[in-house]
Amino acid sequence: MSTGPSHKTVIASNRDNVAIRAAAPSDFDQWLVLWEGYQRFYNVQIAKEVTDRTWARLLDPSEPMACAVAASDSHLVGLVHYIFHRSTWTEGDYCYLQDLFVEKEMRRGGQGRRLIQHVYDAARQHGASRVYWLTHETNEDAMKLYDQVAERSGFIQYRRSMR
């Protein structure tokens, strides 16, 4: 799998005073506020050690994962995390859009769509064959957007925790 900084440097143009850009080390405090908001939305609590490791991985060019943020001037209003991985179905990697979150006050303003487009652009640059993601069946507002920018696969997720 090809890793490296290429998938971490895609930049989208500024529109409506919000720029989509790769996360920077100096973004941590504001990223953390968004990350905690995402966790509250899904009613989960992720351990501080996991959060710290995740942040380090998101910024590490040797990792197959990345983070982009939506920044209004110097204020972060959204985030997206994505991970490249091999697939048995295609030659190119897949790109899993794992987390997408926009501040409540900024929703329905196009930032979620722009963050998804950033992932599409990064996946294309990386040579990925597919971008995919999951959402909770109750997340109806997000699904209205997702139905416009992607197609439903029809697959149902099964999982088992190993801890």
N, C-alpha and C. Protein backbone atom coordinates (compact mmCIF):
# COMPACT_ATOMS: atom_id res chain seq x y z
N MET A 1 0.84 -1.17 0.00
CA MET A 1 0.00 0.00 0.00
C MET A 1 0.89 1.23 0.00
N SER A 2 0.60 2.13 -0.86
CA SER A 2 1.35 3.37 -0.93
C SER A 2 0.83 4.32 0.15
N THR A 3 1.73 4.73 1.03
CA THR A 3 1.36 5.75 2.01
C THR A 3 2.26 6.93 1.76
N GLY A 4 2.25 7.84 2.63
CA GLY A 4 3.09 9.01 2.45
C GLY A 4 2.24 10.26 2.46
N PRO A 5 2.86 11.40 2.31
CA PRO A 5 2.18 12.66 2.50
C PRO A 5 1.20 13.04 1.39
N SER A 6 1.22 12.36 0.25
CA SER A 6 0.41 12.83 -0.87
C SER A 6 -1.07 12.93 -0.52
N HIS A 7 -1.62 11.99 0.22
CA HIS A 7 -3.04 12.04 0.54
C HIS A 7 -3.33 13.01 1.68
N LYS A 8 -2.32 13.60 2.26
CA LYS A 8 -2.53 14.52 3.37
C LYS A 8 -2.40 15.98 2.94
N THR A 9 -2.15 16.22 1.66
CA THR A 9 -1.89 17.59 1.26
C THR A 9 -2.91 18.16 0.30
N VAL A 10 -3.98 17.44 -0.02
CA VAL A 10 -5.00 17.95 -0.92
C VAL A 10 -5.68 19.14 -0.25
N ILE A 11 -5.80 20.23 -0.96
CA ILE A 11 -6.41 21.44 -0.42
C ILE A 11 -7.57 21.85 -1.33
N ALA A 12 -8.69 22.20 -0.74
CA ALA A 12 -9.82 22.70 -1.51
C ALA A 12 -9.83 24.22 -1.43
N SER A 13 -10.43 24.84 -2.41
CA SER A 13 -10.45 26.30 -2.44
C SER A 13 -11.39 26.87 -1.39
N ASN A 14 -11.13 28.11 -1.01
CA ASN A 14 -11.93 28.80 -0.02
C ASN A 14 -13.25 29.24 -0.66
N ARG A 15 -14.37 28.93 -0.02
CA ARG A 15 -15.68 29.34 -0.51
C ARG A 15 -16.52 29.67 0.71
N ASP A 16 -17.23 30.77 0.66
CA ASP A 16 -18.06 31.19 1.79
C ASP A 16 -17.23 31.34 3.06
N ASN A 17 -15.99 31.78 2.90
CA ASN A 17 -15.10 32.04 4.02
C ASN A 17 -14.73 30.78 4.81
N VAL A 18 -14.93 29.60 4.22
CA VAL A 18 -14.54 28.35 4.85
C VAL A 18 -13.61 27.62 3.90
N ALA A 19 -12.42 27.28 4.38
CA ALA A 19 -11.45 26.53 3.58
C ALA A 19 -11.38 25.10 4.09
N ILE A 20 -11.30 24.16 3.17
CA ILE A 20 -11.09 22.76 3.53
C ILE A 20 -9.60 22.51 3.33
N ARG A 21 -8.95 22.02 4.37
CA ARG A 21 -7.50 21.83 4.30
C ARG A 21 -7.09 20.66 5.18
N ALA A 22 -5.89 20.17 4.95
CA ALA A 22 -5.33 19.13 5.79
C ALA A 22 -5.15 19.67 7.21
N ALA A 23 -5.39 18.81 8.18
CA ALA A 23 -5.18 19.20 9.58
C ALA A 23 -3.70 19.46 9.83
N ALA A 24 -3.43 20.39 10.72
CA ALA A 24 -2.06 20.75 11.10
C ALA A 24 -1.88 20.50 12.60
N PRO A 25 -0.65 20.29 13.05
CA PRO A 25 -0.42 20.06 14.48
C PRO A 25 -1.04 21.14 15.38
N SER A 26 -1.04 22.37 14.92
CA SER A 26 -1.58 23.47 15.72
C SER A 26 -3.11 23.42 15.84
N ASP A 27 -3.77 22.55 15.09
CA ASP A 27 -5.23 22.43 15.13
C ASP A 27 -5.73 21.57 16.29
N PHE A 28 -4.83 20.95 17.03
CA PHE A 28 -5.26 19.93 17.99
C PHE A 28 -6.39 20.39 18.91
N ASP A 29 -6.24 21.53 19.58
CA ASP A 29 -7.24 21.95 20.57
C ASP A 29 -8.63 22.10 19.94
N GLN A 30 -8.69 22.72 18.77
CA GLN A 30 -9.99 22.89 18.11
C GLN A 30 -10.50 21.57 17.52
N TRP A 31 -9.58 20.76 16.99
CA TRP A 31 -9.97 19.43 16.50
C TRP A 31 -10.58 18.63 17.63
N LEU A 32 -9.99 18.71 18.83
CA LEU A 32 -10.47 17.96 19.98
C LEU A 32 -11.91 18.35 20.34
N VAL A 33 -12.21 19.63 20.26
CA VAL A 33 -13.58 20.09 20.54
C VAL A 33 -14.55 19.45 19.53
N LEU A 34 -14.18 19.44 18.26
CA LEU A 34 -15.03 18.80 17.24
C LEU A 34 -15.12 17.29 17.46
N TRP A 35 -13.99 16.66 17.76
CA TRP A 35 -13.95 15.22 17.99
C TRP A 35 -14.84 14.84 19.17
N GLU A 36 -14.81 15.64 20.23
CA GLU A 36 -15.68 15.37 21.38
C GLU A 36 -17.15 15.62 21.03
N GLY A 37 -17.41 16.61 20.17
CA GLY A 37 -18.78 16.84 19.70
C GLY A 37 -19.28 15.66 18.88
N TYR A 38 -18.42 15.10 18.05
CA TYR A 38 -18.76 13.90 17.27
C TYR A 38 -19.10 12.74 18.20
N GLN A 39 -18.31 12.57 19.23
CA GLN A 39 -18.55 11.49 20.19
C GLN A 39 -19.89 11.69 20.92
N ARG A 40 -20.18 12.93 21.30
CA ARG A 40 -21.47 13.21 21.95
C ARG A 40 -22.63 12.89 21.01
N PHE A 41 -22.47 13.25 19.74
CA PHE A 41 -23.52 12.99 18.75
C PHE A 41 -23.85 11.51 18.70
N TYR A 42 -22.82 10.66 18.75
CA TYR A 42 -23.02 9.22 18.68
C TYR A 42 -23.09 8.56 20.05
N ASN A 43 -23.09 9.39 21.11
CA ASN A 43 -23.23 8.90 22.48
C ASN A 43 -22.16 7.86 22.82
N VAL A 44 -20.91 8.19 22.52
CA VAL A 44 -19.78 7.33 22.86
C VAL A 44 -18.71 8.17 23.54
N GLN A 45 -17.84 7.50 24.28
CA GLN A 45 -16.68 8.15 24.87
C GLN A 45 -15.46 7.34 24.49
N ILE A 46 -14.54 8.00 23.82
CA ILE A 46 -13.31 7.35 23.40
C ILE A 46 -12.21 7.77 24.38
N ALA A 47 -11.46 6.80 24.86
CA ALA A 47 -10.42 7.04 25.86
C ALA A 47 -9.41 8.07 25.36
N LYS A 48 -8.89 8.86 26.29
CA LYS A 48 -7.90 9.88 25.97
C LYS A 48 -6.69 9.28 25.25
N GLU A 49 -6.24 8.10 25.68
CA GLU A 49 -5.08 7.46 25.05
C GLU A 49 -5.37 7.14 23.58
N VAL A 50 -6.58 6.71 23.29
CA VAL A 50 -6.97 6.40 21.91
C VAL A 50 -7.04 7.69 21.10
N THR A 51 -7.63 8.72 21.68
CA THR A 51 -7.70 10.03 21.01
C THR A 51 -6.31 10.56 20.70
N ASP A 52 -5.40 10.48 21.66
CA ASP A 52 -4.04 10.96 21.44
C ASP A 52 -3.34 10.17 20.34
N ARG A 53 -3.51 8.86 20.35
CA ARG A 53 -2.90 8.01 19.31
C ARG A 53 -3.51 8.32 17.95
N THR A 54 -4.84 8.50 17.92
CA THR A 54 -5.52 8.82 16.67
C THR A 54 -4.97 10.12 16.08
N TRP A 55 -4.84 11.15 16.91
CA TRP A 55 -4.31 12.43 16.43
C TRP A 55 -2.91 12.25 15.85
N ALA A 56 -2.07 11.52 16.55
CA ALA A 56 -0.71 11.28 16.05
C ALA A 56 -0.74 10.54 14.72
N ARG A 57 -1.59 9.55 14.59
CA ARG A 57 -1.69 8.79 13.34
C ARG A 57 -2.20 9.67 12.20
N LEU A 58 -3.17 10.53 12.51
CA LEU A 58 -3.75 11.39 11.47
C LEU A 58 -2.71 12.32 10.87
N LEU A 59 -1.71 12.70 11.66
CA LEU A 59 -0.69 13.63 11.19
C LEU A 59 0.56 12.94 10.66
N ASP A 60 0.70 11.66 10.87
CA ASP A 60 1.89 10.91 10.49
C ASP A 60 1.83 10.54 9.01
N PRO A 61 2.74 11.07 8.18
CA PRO A 61 2.68 10.78 6.75
C PRO A 61 2.91 9.31 6.41
N SER A 62 3.44 8.51 7.34
CA SER A 62 3.64 7.09 7.05
C SER A 62 2.38 6.26 7.35
N GLU A 63 1.39 6.87 7.97
CA GLU A 63 0.13 6.19 8.28
C GLU A 63 -0.82 6.29 7.08
N PRO A 64 -1.69 5.29 6.88
CA PRO A 64 -2.64 5.35 5.76
C PRO A 64 -3.91 6.13 6.10
N MET A 65 -3.89 6.92 7.16
CA MET A 65 -5.06 7.68 7.54
C MET A 65 -4.74 9.17 7.57
N ALA A 66 -5.80 9.98 7.42
CA ALA A 66 -5.60 11.43 7.35
C ALA A 66 -6.82 12.15 7.90
N CYS A 67 -6.64 13.44 8.11
CA CYS A 67 -7.71 14.30 8.60
C CYS A 67 -7.69 15.60 7.81
N ALA A 68 -8.88 16.03 7.40
CA ALA A 68 -9.04 17.36 6.82
C ALA A 68 -10.01 18.11 7.72
N VAL A 69 -9.88 19.41 7.73
CA VAL A 69 -10.74 20.26 8.54
C VAL A 69 -11.37 21.34 7.68
N ALA A 70 -12.53 21.80 8.12
CA ALA A 70 -13.17 22.97 7.53
C ALA A 70 -12.86 24.12 8.47
N ALA A 71 -12.19 25.14 7.95
CA ALA A 71 -11.76 26.26 8.78
C ALA A 71 -12.38 27.55 8.28
N SER A 72 -13.07 28.24 9.17
CA SER A 72 -13.63 29.55 8.89
C SER A 72 -12.70 30.54 9.56
N ASP A 73 -11.89 31.21 8.75
CA ASP A 73 -10.79 32.01 9.25
C ASP A 73 -9.90 31.10 10.10
N SER A 74 -9.76 31.34 11.40
CA SER A 74 -8.92 30.48 12.22
C SER A 74 -9.74 29.53 13.08
N HIS A 75 -11.05 29.48 12.86
CA HIS A 75 -11.94 28.64 13.67
C HIS A 75 -12.32 27.38 12.90
N LEU A 76 -12.06 26.20 13.48
CA LEU A 76 -12.44 24.94 12.83
C LEU A 76 -13.93 24.69 13.05
N VAL A 77 -14.63 24.35 11.96
CA VAL A 77 -16.07 24.11 12.03
C VAL A 77 -16.44 22.70 11.61
N GLY A 78 -15.47 21.91 11.13
CA GLY A 78 -15.77 20.55 10.72
C GLY A 78 -14.50 19.74 10.57
N LEU A 79 -14.70 18.41 10.54
CA LEU A 79 -13.57 17.50 10.35
C LEU A 79 -14.02 16.28 9.56
N VAL A 80 -13.06 15.66 8.92
CA VAL A 80 -13.28 14.37 8.28
C VAL A 80 -12.01 13.54 8.45
N HIS A 81 -12.20 12.28 8.83
CA HIS A 81 -11.09 11.33 8.96
C HIS A 81 -11.29 10.26 7.90
N TYR A 82 -10.20 9.86 7.25
CA TYR A 82 -10.32 8.82 6.23
C TYR A 82 -9.08 7.94 6.24
N ILE A 83 -9.30 6.69 5.82
CA ILE A 83 -8.26 5.67 5.91
C ILE A 83 -8.18 4.91 4.60
N PHE A 84 -6.98 4.73 4.08
CA PHE A 84 -6.76 3.92 2.88
C PHE A 84 -6.41 2.50 3.30
N HIS A 85 -6.98 1.53 2.60
CA HIS A 85 -6.66 0.13 2.89
C HIS A 85 -6.83 -0.72 1.63
N ARG A 86 -6.18 -1.87 1.63
CA ARG A 86 -6.25 -2.81 0.53
C ARG A 86 -7.66 -3.38 0.38
N SER A 87 -7.93 -3.90 -0.79
CA SER A 87 -9.20 -4.57 -1.05
C SER A 87 -8.92 -5.85 -1.84
N THR A 88 -9.71 -6.86 -1.58
CA THR A 88 -9.60 -8.09 -2.37
C THR A 88 -10.42 -8.00 -3.65
N TRP A 89 -11.18 -6.93 -3.83
CA TRP A 89 -12.08 -6.81 -4.97
C TRP A 89 -11.53 -5.94 -6.09
N THR A 90 -10.51 -5.13 -5.81
CA THR A 90 -9.97 -4.23 -6.83
C THR A 90 -8.46 -4.14 -6.69
N GLU A 91 -7.82 -3.66 -7.73
CA GLU A 91 -6.37 -3.43 -7.65
C GLU A 91 -6.05 -2.23 -6.78
N GLY A 92 -6.84 -1.19 -6.91
CA GLY A 92 -6.60 0.02 -6.12
C GLY A 92 -7.11 -0.13 -4.70
N ASP A 93 -6.54 0.64 -3.81
CA ASP A 93 -6.99 0.67 -2.42
C ASP A 93 -8.42 1.20 -2.34
N TYR A 94 -9.06 0.94 -1.23
CA TYR A 94 -10.32 1.58 -0.89
C TYR A 94 -10.00 2.72 0.07
N CYS A 95 -10.89 3.67 0.14
CA CYS A 95 -10.77 4.77 1.09
C CYS A 95 -12.02 4.74 1.97
N TYR A 96 -11.81 4.51 3.24
CA TYR A 96 -12.91 4.48 4.21
C TYR A 96 -13.01 5.83 4.87
N LEU A 97 -14.12 6.52 4.64
CA LEU A 97 -14.40 7.78 5.31
C LEU A 97 -14.98 7.40 6.67
N GLN A 98 -14.16 7.47 7.71
CA GLN A 98 -14.56 6.94 9.00
C GLN A 98 -15.40 7.92 9.81
N ASP A 99 -15.01 9.17 9.85
CA ASP A 99 -15.69 10.14 10.70
C ASP A 99 -15.91 11.43 9.92
N LEU A 100 -17.10 11.97 10.02
CA LEU A 100 -17.43 13.26 9.41
C LEU A 100 -18.27 14.02 10.42
N PHE A 101 -17.86 15.26 10.72
CA PHE A 101 -18.60 16.05 11.70
C PHE A 101 -18.48 17.52 11.37
N VAL A 102 -19.61 18.22 11.44
CA VAL A 102 -19.66 19.67 11.26
C VAL A 102 -20.41 20.25 12.44
N GLU A 103 -19.90 21.36 12.97
CA GLU A 103 -20.59 22.04 14.08
C GLU A 103 -22.06 22.23 13.74
N LYS A 104 -22.91 22.08 14.73
CA LYS A 104 -24.35 22.17 14.52
C LYS A 104 -24.75 23.47 13.83
N GLU A 105 -24.14 24.57 14.24
CA GLU A 105 -24.48 25.89 13.68
C GLU A 105 -24.08 26.02 12.21
N MET A 106 -23.17 25.19 11.76
CA MET A 106 -22.66 25.28 10.39
C MET A 106 -23.26 24.23 9.46
N ARG A 107 -24.10 23.37 9.98
CA ARG A 107 -24.69 22.32 9.15
C ARG A 107 -25.65 22.92 8.13
N ARG A 108 -25.84 22.20 7.07
CA ARG A 108 -26.69 22.60 5.94
C ARG A 108 -26.13 23.80 5.19
N GLY A 109 -24.86 24.07 5.41
CA GLY A 109 -24.21 25.17 4.70
C GLY A 109 -23.23 24.67 3.65
N GLY A 110 -23.21 23.37 3.40
CA GLY A 110 -22.35 22.81 2.37
C GLY A 110 -21.01 22.31 2.85
N GLN A 111 -20.72 22.45 4.14
CA GLN A 111 -19.39 22.05 4.63
C GLN A 111 -19.22 20.53 4.63
N GLY A 112 -20.26 19.79 4.99
CA GLY A 112 -20.18 18.33 4.95
C GLY A 112 -19.92 17.84 3.54
N ARG A 113 -20.63 18.39 2.58
CA ARG A 113 -20.44 18.04 1.17
C ARG A 113 -19.01 18.35 0.73
N ARG A 114 -18.49 19.48 1.15
CA ARG A 114 -17.13 19.87 0.77
C ARG A 114 -16.08 18.98 1.43
N LEU A 115 -16.33 18.56 2.66
CA LEU A 115 -15.40 17.62 3.32
C LEU A 115 -15.41 16.27 2.61
N ILE A 116 -16.58 15.80 2.21
CA ILE A 116 -16.67 14.56 1.43
C ILE A 116 -15.93 14.72 0.11
N GLN A 117 -16.11 15.84 -0.55
CA GLN A 117 -15.42 16.08 -1.82
C GLN A 117 -13.91 16.08 -1.61
N HIS A 118 -13.45 16.60 -0.50
CA HIS A 118 -12.02 16.56 -0.19
C HIS A 118 -11.53 15.11 -0.15
N VAL A 119 -12.31 14.24 0.50
CA VAL A 119 -11.94 12.83 0.56
C VAL A 119 -11.95 12.21 -0.84
N TYR A 120 -12.96 12.54 -1.64
CA TYR A 120 -12.99 12.05 -3.03
C TYR A 120 -11.72 12.47 -3.77
N ASP A 121 -11.33 13.73 -3.61
CA ASP A 121 -10.14 14.23 -4.30
C ASP A 121 -8.88 13.52 -3.81
N ALA A 122 -8.77 13.33 -2.49
CA ALA A 122 -7.61 12.63 -1.93
C ALA A 122 -7.57 11.18 -2.42
N ALA A 123 -8.74 10.54 -2.47
CA ALA A 123 -8.81 9.15 -2.94
C ALA A 123 -8.39 9.06 -4.41
N ARG A 124 -8.85 9.98 -5.21
CA ARG A 124 -8.46 10.01 -6.63
C ARG A 124 -6.95 10.20 -6.76
N GLN A 125 -6.41 11.13 -5.99
CA GLN A 125 -4.97 11.40 -6.02
C GLN A 125 -4.18 10.17 -5.58
N HIS A 126 -4.71 9.42 -4.64
CA HIS A 126 -4.06 8.22 -4.11
C HIS A 126 -4.22 7.01 -5.04
N GLY A 127 -5.14 7.11 -6.00
CA GLY A 127 -5.41 5.98 -6.89
C GLY A 127 -6.37 4.97 -6.32
N ALA A 128 -7.18 5.39 -5.35
CA ALA A 128 -8.15 4.49 -4.73
C ALA A 128 -9.26 4.14 -5.72
N SER A 129 -9.80 2.95 -5.57
CA SER A 129 -10.89 2.48 -6.42
C SER A 129 -12.27 2.86 -5.89
N ARG A 130 -12.36 3.12 -4.61
CA ARG A 130 -13.67 3.36 -4.01
C ARG A 130 -13.51 4.17 -2.73
N VAL A 131 -14.50 5.02 -2.47
CA VAL A 131 -14.67 5.68 -1.18
C VAL A 131 -15.99 5.16 -0.61
N TYR A 132 -15.98 4.79 0.66
CA TYR A 132 -17.21 4.31 1.28
C TYR A 132 -17.24 4.74 2.74
N TRP A 133 -18.44 4.69 3.33
CA TRP A 133 -18.60 5.02 4.73
C TRP A 133 -19.88 4.40 5.26
N LEU A 134 -20.03 4.49 6.57
CA LEU A 134 -21.21 4.01 7.29
C LEU A 134 -21.83 5.20 8.01
N THR A 135 -23.11 5.09 8.29
CA THR A 135 -23.75 6.04 9.19
C THR A 135 -24.82 5.28 9.96
N HIS A 136 -25.22 5.84 11.06
CA HIS A 136 -26.26 5.20 11.85
C HIS A 136 -27.60 5.40 11.16
N GLU A 137 -28.46 4.40 11.26
CA GLU A 137 -29.75 4.44 10.58
C GLU A 137 -30.64 5.59 11.04
N THR A 138 -30.35 6.17 12.22
CA THR A 138 -31.14 7.29 12.72
C THR A 138 -30.60 8.65 12.26
N ASN A 139 -29.48 8.66 11.58
CA ASN A 139 -28.85 9.91 11.16
C ASN A 139 -29.48 10.39 9.84
N GLU A 140 -30.76 10.69 9.90
CA GLU A 140 -31.53 11.01 8.70
C GLU A 140 -31.06 12.28 8.00
N ASP A 141 -30.68 13.31 8.75
CA ASP A 141 -30.21 14.54 8.12
C ASP A 141 -28.97 14.28 7.27
N ALA A 142 -28.03 13.53 7.83
CA ALA A 142 -26.81 13.22 7.07
C ALA A 142 -27.14 12.37 5.85
N MET A 143 -28.06 11.43 6.00
CA MET A 143 -28.40 10.56 4.87
C MET A 143 -29.00 11.33 3.71
N LYS A 144 -29.65 12.45 3.97
CA LYS A 144 -30.16 13.28 2.88
C LYS A 144 -29.00 13.77 2.00
N LEU A 145 -27.91 14.16 2.64
CA LEU A 145 -26.71 14.56 1.89
C LEU A 145 -26.07 13.35 1.22
N TYR A 146 -25.88 12.27 1.97
CA TYR A 146 -25.20 11.10 1.44
C TYR A 146 -25.91 10.54 0.21
N ASP A 147 -27.24 10.58 0.22
CA ASP A 147 -27.99 10.09 -0.93
C ASP A 147 -27.74 10.94 -2.18
N GLN A 148 -27.27 12.17 -2.00
CA GLN A 148 -26.96 13.06 -3.13
C GLN A 148 -25.55 12.87 -3.65
N VAL A 149 -24.62 12.40 -2.81
CA VAL A 149 -23.21 12.37 -3.21
C VAL A 149 -22.65 10.95 -3.37
N ALA A 150 -23.47 9.94 -3.08
CA ALA A 150 -23.00 8.55 -3.18
C ALA A 150 -24.22 7.65 -3.36
N GLU A 151 -23.97 6.38 -3.54
CA GLU A 151 -25.08 5.43 -3.64
C GLU A 151 -25.02 4.45 -2.47
N ARG A 152 -26.17 4.03 -2.02
CA ARG A 152 -26.24 3.04 -0.94
C ARG A 152 -25.84 1.68 -1.49
N SER A 153 -25.03 0.98 -0.74
CA SER A 153 -24.51 -0.30 -1.20
C SER A 153 -25.48 -1.45 -0.97
N GLY A 154 -26.38 -1.29 -0.02
CA GLY A 154 -27.29 -2.37 0.32
C GLY A 154 -26.72 -3.34 1.34
N PHE A 155 -25.44 -3.18 1.68
CA PHE A 155 -24.84 -4.06 2.67
C PHE A 155 -25.20 -3.61 4.08
N ILE A 156 -25.30 -4.56 4.98
CA ILE A 156 -25.58 -4.31 6.39
C ILE A 156 -24.33 -4.69 7.17
N GLN A 157 -23.94 -3.84 8.10
CA GLN A 157 -22.73 -4.09 8.87
C GLN A 157 -23.02 -5.04 10.04
N TYR A 158 -22.14 -6.00 10.22
CA TYR A 158 -22.12 -6.85 11.40
C TYR A 158 -20.77 -6.63 12.07
N ARG A 159 -20.75 -6.71 13.39
CA ARG A 159 -19.47 -6.53 14.09
C ARG A 159 -19.50 -7.23 15.42
N ARG A 160 -18.30 -7.45 15.92
CA ARG A 160 -18.14 -8.04 17.24
C ARG A 160 -16.92 -7.41 17.87
N SER A 161 -17.08 -6.85 19.04
CA SER A 161 -15.97 -6.24 19.74
C SER A 161 -15.02 -7.33 20.22
N MET A 162 -13.74 -7.07 20.14
CA MET A 162 -12.73 -8.04 20.54
C MET A 162 -12.15 -7.67 21.91
N ARG A 163 -12.76 -6.80 22.62
CA ARG A 163 -12.31 -6.41 23.96
C ARG A 163 -13.41 -6.57 24.95
